[in-house]
């Protein structure tokens, strides 16, 4: 329900929403805020790929599209995201793409439980772009 309402409402001027569909079926999406933080840059708020398509390159394609949007907005920009510490599959994906773990903290999850979250950051997006072509 959260994403249905977010995608249906008008976007912020700095919001980028990318949706991948095939034959009318949602395969994945990304949502980023280009000017989210003066120090950490663009916030990749969400990156989701349907389970059956994980490991097939769709996550990389969505990340590439977000990076391209960041470059258009600010060629010297940075990118960061938050992931739940226990989401090891996502964390390995971000680490393979050169994400640097910069902070770990406790926060409330949507279900009200306290969880640990970690922030990954890319200070040099040209390095991230190179990983898309070599990894």
N, C-alpha and C. Protein backbone atom coordinates (compact mmCIF):
# COMPACT_ATOMS: atom_id res chain seq x y z
N UNK A 1 0.81 -1.19 0.00
CA UNK A 1 0.00 0.00 0.00
C UNK A 1 0.86 1.26 0.00
N UNK A 2 1.98 1.24 0.72
CA UNK A 2 2.85 2.42 0.79
C UNK A 2 3.31 2.81 -0.61
N UNK A 3 3.77 1.83 -1.39
CA UNK A 3 4.29 2.18 -2.71
C UNK A 3 3.19 2.53 -3.68
N UNK A 4 2.04 1.95 -3.53
CA UNK A 4 0.92 2.33 -4.39
C UNK A 4 0.61 3.82 -4.19
N UNK A 5 0.57 4.25 -2.94
CA UNK A 5 0.27 5.66 -2.68
C UNK A 5 1.42 6.56 -3.11
N UNK A 6 2.67 6.14 -2.89
CA UNK A 6 3.81 6.97 -3.30
C UNK A 6 3.86 7.15 -4.82
N UNK A 7 3.58 6.08 -5.55
CA UNK A 7 3.65 6.16 -7.00
C UNK A 7 2.45 6.91 -7.58
N UNK A 8 1.34 6.91 -6.87
CA UNK A 8 0.13 7.58 -7.36
C UNK A 8 0.15 9.08 -7.10
N UNK A 9 0.81 9.51 -6.02
CA UNK A 9 0.80 10.94 -5.69
C UNK A 9 1.84 11.68 -6.52
N UNK A 10 1.69 12.99 -6.56
CA UNK A 10 2.65 13.77 -7.33
C UNK A 10 4.03 13.69 -6.68
N UNK A 11 5.02 13.67 -7.52
CA UNK A 11 6.40 13.52 -7.06
C UNK A 11 6.99 14.85 -6.65
N UNK A 12 7.96 14.77 -5.76
CA UNK A 12 8.77 15.94 -5.45
C UNK A 12 9.59 16.28 -6.69
N UNK A 13 10.01 17.52 -6.79
CA UNK A 13 10.79 17.95 -7.96
C UNK A 13 12.08 17.15 -8.10
N UNK A 14 12.68 16.73 -6.97
CA UNK A 14 13.95 16.01 -7.04
C UNK A 14 13.78 14.49 -6.98
N UNK A 15 12.55 14.01 -7.04
CA UNK A 15 12.29 12.57 -6.94
C UNK A 15 12.37 11.91 -8.32
N UNK A 16 13.02 10.77 -8.36
CA UNK A 16 13.10 9.95 -9.57
C UNK A 16 12.50 8.59 -9.23
N UNK A 17 11.51 8.18 -10.00
CA UNK A 17 10.92 6.86 -9.83
C UNK A 17 11.08 6.13 -11.16
N UNK A 18 11.73 4.99 -11.12
CA UNK A 18 11.97 4.17 -12.31
C UNK A 18 11.25 2.84 -12.12
N UNK A 19 10.47 2.45 -13.10
CA UNK A 19 9.69 1.22 -13.02
C UNK A 19 10.05 0.35 -14.21
N UNK A 20 10.31 -0.92 -13.95
CA UNK A 20 10.58 -1.87 -15.02
C UNK A 20 9.39 -2.83 -15.10
N UNK A 21 8.75 -2.81 -16.24
CA UNK A 21 7.61 -3.70 -16.48
C UNK A 21 7.85 -4.49 -17.75
N UNK A 22 7.29 -5.67 -17.80
CA UNK A 22 7.32 -6.46 -19.02
C UNK A 22 5.98 -7.16 -19.14
N UNK A 23 5.33 -6.98 -20.27
CA UNK A 23 4.01 -7.55 -20.52
C UNK A 23 3.03 -7.20 -19.41
N UNK A 24 3.12 -5.97 -18.91
CA UNK A 24 2.20 -5.50 -17.89
C UNK A 24 2.51 -5.95 -16.48
N UNK A 25 3.59 -6.71 -16.29
CA UNK A 25 3.95 -7.20 -14.96
C UNK A 25 5.13 -6.39 -14.42
N UNK A 26 5.01 -5.94 -13.19
CA UNK A 26 6.10 -5.21 -12.54
C UNK A 26 7.25 -6.16 -12.26
N UNK A 27 8.45 -5.78 -12.72
CA UNK A 27 9.64 -6.60 -12.50
C UNK A 27 10.55 -5.99 -11.44
N UNK A 28 10.53 -4.68 -11.32
CA UNK A 28 11.36 -4.00 -10.33
C UNK A 28 11.14 -2.50 -10.41
N UNK A 29 11.61 -1.80 -9.38
CA UNK A 29 11.53 -0.34 -9.40
C UNK A 29 12.58 0.25 -8.49
N UNK A 30 12.87 1.51 -8.73
CA UNK A 30 13.80 2.28 -7.89
C UNK A 30 13.18 3.65 -7.64
N UNK A 31 13.43 4.17 -6.46
CA UNK A 31 12.99 5.51 -6.10
C UNK A 31 14.18 6.22 -5.46
N UNK A 32 14.49 7.40 -5.98
CA UNK A 32 15.63 8.16 -5.46
C UNK A 32 15.23 9.62 -5.30
N UNK A 33 15.91 10.28 -4.38
CA UNK A 33 15.74 11.71 -4.15
C UNK A 33 17.08 12.36 -4.41
N UNK A 34 17.17 13.11 -5.51
CA UNK A 34 18.45 13.62 -6.00
C UNK A 34 19.12 14.59 -5.04
N UNK A 35 18.36 15.38 -4.33
CA UNK A 35 18.92 16.40 -3.45
C UNK A 35 18.59 16.12 -1.99
N UNK A 36 18.68 14.87 -1.60
CA UNK A 36 18.23 14.46 -0.27
C UNK A 36 19.09 14.99 0.86
N UNK A 37 20.39 15.06 0.66
CA UNK A 37 21.28 15.40 1.78
C UNK A 37 22.48 16.17 1.25
N UNK A 38 22.77 17.34 1.83
CA UNK A 38 23.90 18.14 1.32
C UNK A 38 25.25 17.43 1.45
N UNK A 39 25.40 16.58 2.44
CA UNK A 39 26.68 15.88 2.62
C UNK A 39 26.73 14.56 1.85
N UNK A 40 25.67 13.76 1.91
CA UNK A 40 25.69 12.41 1.35
C UNK A 40 25.10 12.33 -0.05
N UNK A 41 24.46 13.39 -0.51
CA UNK A 41 23.95 13.44 -1.87
C UNK A 41 22.63 12.72 -2.06
N UNK A 42 22.47 12.17 -3.25
CA UNK A 42 21.24 11.49 -3.63
C UNK A 42 20.97 10.31 -2.71
N UNK A 43 19.71 10.18 -2.29
CA UNK A 43 19.29 9.04 -1.49
C UNK A 43 18.57 8.05 -2.40
N UNK A 44 19.12 6.86 -2.53
CA UNK A 44 18.41 5.78 -3.20
C UNK A 44 17.49 5.20 -2.13
N UNK A 45 16.25 5.65 -2.14
CA UNK A 45 15.31 5.32 -1.08
C UNK A 45 14.86 3.87 -1.15
N UNK A 46 14.68 3.36 -2.36
CA UNK A 46 14.27 1.97 -2.53
C UNK A 46 14.76 1.44 -3.86
N UNK A 47 15.15 0.18 -3.83
CA UNK A 47 15.50 -0.56 -5.04
C UNK A 47 14.93 -1.96 -4.82
N UNK A 48 13.95 -2.33 -5.62
CA UNK A 48 13.31 -3.64 -5.46
C UNK A 48 13.27 -4.36 -6.80
N UNK A 49 13.58 -5.64 -6.74
CA UNK A 49 13.48 -6.54 -7.89
C UNK A 49 12.67 -7.74 -7.43
N UNK A 50 11.72 -8.18 -8.26
CA UNK A 50 10.92 -9.35 -7.86
C UNK A 50 11.86 -10.54 -7.63
N UNK A 51 11.56 -11.37 -6.64
CA UNK A 51 12.47 -12.46 -6.26
C UNK A 51 12.95 -13.34 -7.40
N UNK A 52 12.07 -13.69 -8.33
CA UNK A 52 12.47 -14.59 -9.42
C UNK A 52 13.49 -13.99 -10.36
N UNK A 53 13.64 -12.66 -10.34
CA UNK A 53 14.58 -12.00 -11.26
C UNK A 53 15.87 -11.54 -10.58
N UNK A 54 16.01 -11.78 -9.29
CA UNK A 54 17.23 -11.38 -8.60
C UNK A 54 18.41 -12.17 -9.16
N UNK A 55 19.53 -11.48 -9.33
CA UNK A 55 20.73 -12.12 -9.86
C UNK A 55 20.79 -12.15 -11.38
N UNK A 56 19.85 -11.50 -12.04
CA UNK A 56 19.80 -11.52 -13.51
C UNK A 56 20.14 -10.16 -14.13
N UNK A 57 20.61 -9.21 -13.32
CA UNK A 57 21.06 -7.93 -13.86
C UNK A 57 20.07 -6.78 -13.78
N UNK A 58 18.84 -7.05 -13.37
CA UNK A 58 17.85 -5.97 -13.32
C UNK A 58 18.20 -4.94 -12.26
N UNK A 59 18.70 -5.37 -11.11
CA UNK A 59 19.11 -4.43 -10.06
C UNK A 59 20.21 -3.51 -10.56
N UNK A 60 21.17 -4.06 -11.30
CA UNK A 60 22.24 -3.24 -11.88
C UNK A 60 21.68 -2.23 -12.87
N UNK A 61 20.73 -2.67 -13.69
CA UNK A 61 20.13 -1.75 -14.66
C UNK A 61 19.43 -0.59 -13.95
N UNK A 62 18.71 -0.89 -12.90
CA UNK A 62 18.03 0.17 -12.16
C UNK A 62 19.04 1.09 -11.48
N UNK A 63 20.10 0.52 -10.91
CA UNK A 63 21.15 1.35 -10.30
C UNK A 63 21.81 2.23 -11.35
N UNK A 64 22.09 1.68 -12.52
CA UNK A 64 22.69 2.45 -13.61
C UNK A 64 21.81 3.63 -13.97
N UNK A 65 20.52 3.39 -14.08
CA UNK A 65 19.59 4.47 -14.43
C UNK A 65 19.55 5.54 -13.35
N UNK A 66 19.62 5.15 -12.08
CA UNK A 66 19.65 6.14 -11.00
C UNK A 66 20.94 6.95 -11.09
N UNK A 67 22.08 6.28 -11.28
CA UNK A 67 23.36 6.99 -11.38
C UNK A 67 23.33 7.99 -12.54
N UNK A 68 22.75 7.59 -13.66
CA UNK A 68 22.63 8.51 -14.80
C UNK A 68 21.82 9.74 -14.43
N UNK A 69 20.76 9.56 -13.68
CA UNK A 69 19.94 10.70 -13.22
C UNK A 69 20.74 11.61 -12.29
N UNK A 70 21.52 11.00 -11.39
CA UNK A 70 22.34 11.79 -10.47
C UNK A 70 23.35 12.61 -11.27
N UNK A 71 24.01 11.98 -12.24
CA UNK A 71 24.99 12.70 -13.07
C UNK A 71 24.38 13.86 -13.81
N UNK A 72 23.17 13.67 -14.34
CA UNK A 72 22.49 14.77 -15.03
C UNK A 72 22.20 15.92 -14.08
N UNK A 73 21.85 15.57 -12.86
CA UNK A 73 21.51 16.58 -11.86
C UNK A 73 22.74 17.27 -11.30
N UNK A 74 23.79 16.47 -11.04
CA UNK A 74 25.01 16.99 -10.41
C UNK A 74 26.18 16.07 -10.75
N UNK A 75 27.02 16.43 -11.73
CA UNK A 75 28.12 15.56 -12.14
C UNK A 75 29.11 15.22 -11.03
N UNK A 76 29.14 16.02 -9.98
CA UNK A 76 30.04 15.74 -8.85
C UNK A 76 29.27 15.14 -7.68
N UNK A 77 28.04 14.70 -7.93
CA UNK A 77 27.18 14.22 -6.86
C UNK A 77 27.62 12.90 -6.26
N UNK A 78 27.03 12.64 -5.10
CA UNK A 78 27.25 11.39 -4.39
C UNK A 78 25.93 10.64 -4.31
N UNK A 79 26.01 9.38 -3.92
CA UNK A 79 24.83 8.54 -3.78
C UNK A 79 24.94 7.77 -2.47
N UNK A 80 23.83 7.69 -1.75
CA UNK A 80 23.82 6.86 -0.54
C UNK A 80 22.48 6.16 -0.41
N UNK A 81 22.45 5.15 0.43
CA UNK A 81 21.23 4.40 0.70
C UNK A 81 21.32 3.77 2.07
N UNK A 82 20.17 3.38 2.56
CA UNK A 82 20.08 2.65 3.83
C UNK A 82 19.55 1.26 3.55
N UNK A 83 20.09 0.28 4.24
CA UNK A 83 19.60 -1.10 4.13
C UNK A 83 19.51 -1.67 5.54
N UNK A 84 18.61 -2.60 5.73
CA UNK A 84 18.56 -3.28 7.01
C UNK A 84 19.80 -4.17 7.12
N UNK A 85 20.41 -4.14 8.29
CA UNK A 85 21.65 -4.90 8.51
C UNK A 85 21.45 -6.38 8.22
N UNK A 86 20.29 -6.94 8.54
CA UNK A 86 20.06 -8.37 8.33
C UNK A 86 19.77 -8.73 6.87
N UNK A 87 19.62 -7.74 5.99
CA UNK A 87 19.36 -8.01 4.57
C UNK A 87 20.69 -8.26 3.87
N UNK A 88 21.24 -9.42 4.11
CA UNK A 88 22.58 -9.75 3.62
C UNK A 88 22.67 -9.80 2.10
N UNK A 89 21.61 -10.24 1.45
CA UNK A 89 21.63 -10.31 -0.01
C UNK A 89 21.79 -8.91 -0.60
N UNK A 90 21.03 -7.96 -0.11
CA UNK A 90 21.14 -6.58 -0.61
C UNK A 90 22.50 -6.00 -0.25
N UNK A 91 22.96 -6.24 0.94
CA UNK A 91 24.25 -5.69 1.36
C UNK A 91 25.40 -6.22 0.50
N UNK A 92 25.37 -7.51 0.16
CA UNK A 92 26.41 -8.06 -0.71
C UNK A 92 26.35 -7.40 -2.09
N UNK A 93 25.14 -7.17 -2.59
CA UNK A 93 24.98 -6.50 -3.88
C UNK A 93 25.61 -5.11 -3.83
N UNK A 94 25.32 -4.31 -2.81
CA UNK A 94 25.86 -2.96 -2.71
C UNK A 94 27.38 -2.99 -2.50
N UNK A 95 27.86 -3.95 -1.75
CA UNK A 95 29.31 -4.05 -1.52
C UNK A 95 30.04 -4.45 -2.81
N UNK A 96 29.45 -5.34 -3.61
CA UNK A 96 30.06 -5.70 -4.90
C UNK A 96 30.16 -4.49 -5.82
N UNK A 97 29.24 -3.55 -5.65
CA UNK A 97 29.25 -2.33 -6.46
C UNK A 97 30.08 -1.22 -5.83
N UNK A 98 30.84 -1.55 -4.80
CA UNK A 98 31.77 -0.59 -4.22
C UNK A 98 31.19 0.33 -3.16
N UNK A 99 30.00 0.05 -2.68
CA UNK A 99 29.41 0.87 -1.63
C UNK A 99 30.23 0.77 -0.35
N UNK A 100 30.52 1.93 0.24
CA UNK A 100 31.29 1.97 1.50
C UNK A 100 30.31 2.09 2.66
N UNK A 101 30.42 1.18 3.61
CA UNK A 101 29.58 1.24 4.80
C UNK A 101 30.07 2.40 5.65
N UNK A 102 29.18 3.37 5.91
CA UNK A 102 29.60 4.58 6.61
C UNK A 102 28.95 4.76 7.97
N UNK A 103 27.86 4.05 8.24
CA UNK A 103 27.18 4.23 9.52
C UNK A 103 26.26 3.05 9.78
N UNK A 104 26.12 2.70 11.03
CA UNK A 104 25.19 1.67 11.48
C UNK A 104 24.42 2.29 12.65
N UNK A 105 23.09 2.17 12.61
CA UNK A 105 22.30 2.69 13.73
C UNK A 105 20.99 1.92 13.86
N UNK A 106 20.36 2.04 15.02
CA UNK A 106 19.08 1.39 15.27
C UNK A 106 17.95 2.34 14.86
N UNK A 107 16.89 1.75 14.28
CA UNK A 107 15.71 2.54 13.91
C UNK A 107 14.48 1.66 14.01
N UNK A 108 13.32 2.30 13.98
CA UNK A 108 12.07 1.55 14.01
C UNK A 108 11.68 1.15 12.59
N UNK A 109 11.37 -0.13 12.41
CA UNK A 109 10.88 -0.64 11.13
C UNK A 109 9.40 -0.30 11.01
N UNK A 110 8.84 -0.39 9.80
CA UNK A 110 7.41 -0.10 9.63
C UNK A 110 6.50 -0.92 10.54
N UNK A 111 6.94 -2.13 10.94
CA UNK A 111 6.10 -2.96 11.81
C UNK A 111 6.26 -2.61 13.29
N UNK A 112 7.09 -1.60 13.59
CA UNK A 112 7.27 -1.16 14.97
C UNK A 112 8.44 -1.81 15.70
N UNK A 113 9.06 -2.81 15.11
CA UNK A 113 10.23 -3.45 15.73
C UNK A 113 11.46 -2.60 15.51
N UNK A 114 12.38 -2.67 16.46
CA UNK A 114 13.64 -1.97 16.31
C UNK A 114 14.61 -2.85 15.54
N UNK A 115 15.24 -2.27 14.51
CA UNK A 115 16.18 -3.00 13.66
C UNK A 115 17.43 -2.15 13.48
N UNK A 116 18.51 -2.79 13.07
CA UNK A 116 19.73 -2.06 12.75
C UNK A 116 19.73 -1.76 11.26
N UNK A 117 20.08 -0.54 10.93
CA UNK A 117 20.20 -0.11 9.54
C UNK A 117 21.63 0.31 9.28
N UNK A 118 22.08 0.14 8.05
CA UNK A 118 23.43 0.52 7.65
C UNK A 118 23.34 1.45 6.45
N UNK A 119 24.23 2.43 6.42
CA UNK A 119 24.27 3.36 5.28
C UNK A 119 25.47 3.00 4.41
N UNK A 120 25.20 2.88 3.10
CA UNK A 120 26.25 2.71 2.11
C UNK A 120 26.33 3.99 1.30
N UNK A 121 27.55 4.36 0.91
CA UNK A 121 27.75 5.59 0.16
C UNK A 121 28.74 5.34 -0.98
N UNK A 122 28.49 6.04 -2.08
CA UNK A 122 29.40 6.10 -3.21
C UNK A 122 29.77 7.57 -3.39
N UNK A 123 31.03 7.90 -3.13
CA UNK A 123 31.48 9.29 -3.28
C UNK A 123 31.88 9.61 -4.70
N UNK A 124 32.33 8.60 -5.43
CA UNK A 124 32.77 8.78 -6.81
C UNK A 124 31.90 7.92 -7.71
N UNK A 125 30.93 8.53 -8.35
CA UNK A 125 30.00 7.76 -9.16
C UNK A 125 30.63 7.23 -10.44
N UNK A 126 31.75 7.80 -10.86
CA UNK A 126 32.42 7.24 -12.04
C UNK A 126 32.95 5.84 -11.71
N UNK A 127 33.40 5.64 -10.49
CA UNK A 127 33.84 4.32 -10.06
C UNK A 127 32.70 3.32 -10.03
N UNK A 128 31.53 3.79 -9.64
CA UNK A 128 30.35 2.92 -9.63
C UNK A 128 29.98 2.54 -11.06
N UNK A 129 30.04 3.48 -11.98
CA UNK A 129 29.73 3.19 -13.38
C UNK A 129 30.70 2.15 -13.94
N UNK A 130 31.98 2.23 -13.57
CA UNK A 130 32.96 1.24 -14.05
C UNK A 130 32.62 -0.15 -13.54
N UNK A 131 32.13 -0.26 -12.33
CA UNK A 131 31.78 -1.58 -11.78
C UNK A 131 30.63 -2.21 -12.55
N UNK A 132 29.74 -1.40 -13.11
CA UNK A 132 28.63 -1.95 -13.89
C UNK A 132 29.13 -2.64 -15.14
N UNK A 133 30.25 -2.18 -15.67
CA UNK A 133 30.75 -2.78 -16.90
C UNK A 133 31.72 -3.92 -16.66
N UNK A 134 32.25 -4.03 -15.42
CA UNK A 134 33.26 -5.05 -15.17
C UNK A 134 32.82 -6.15 -14.21
N UNK A 135 31.71 -5.96 -13.49
CA UNK A 135 31.31 -6.95 -12.49
C UNK A 135 30.21 -7.85 -13.02
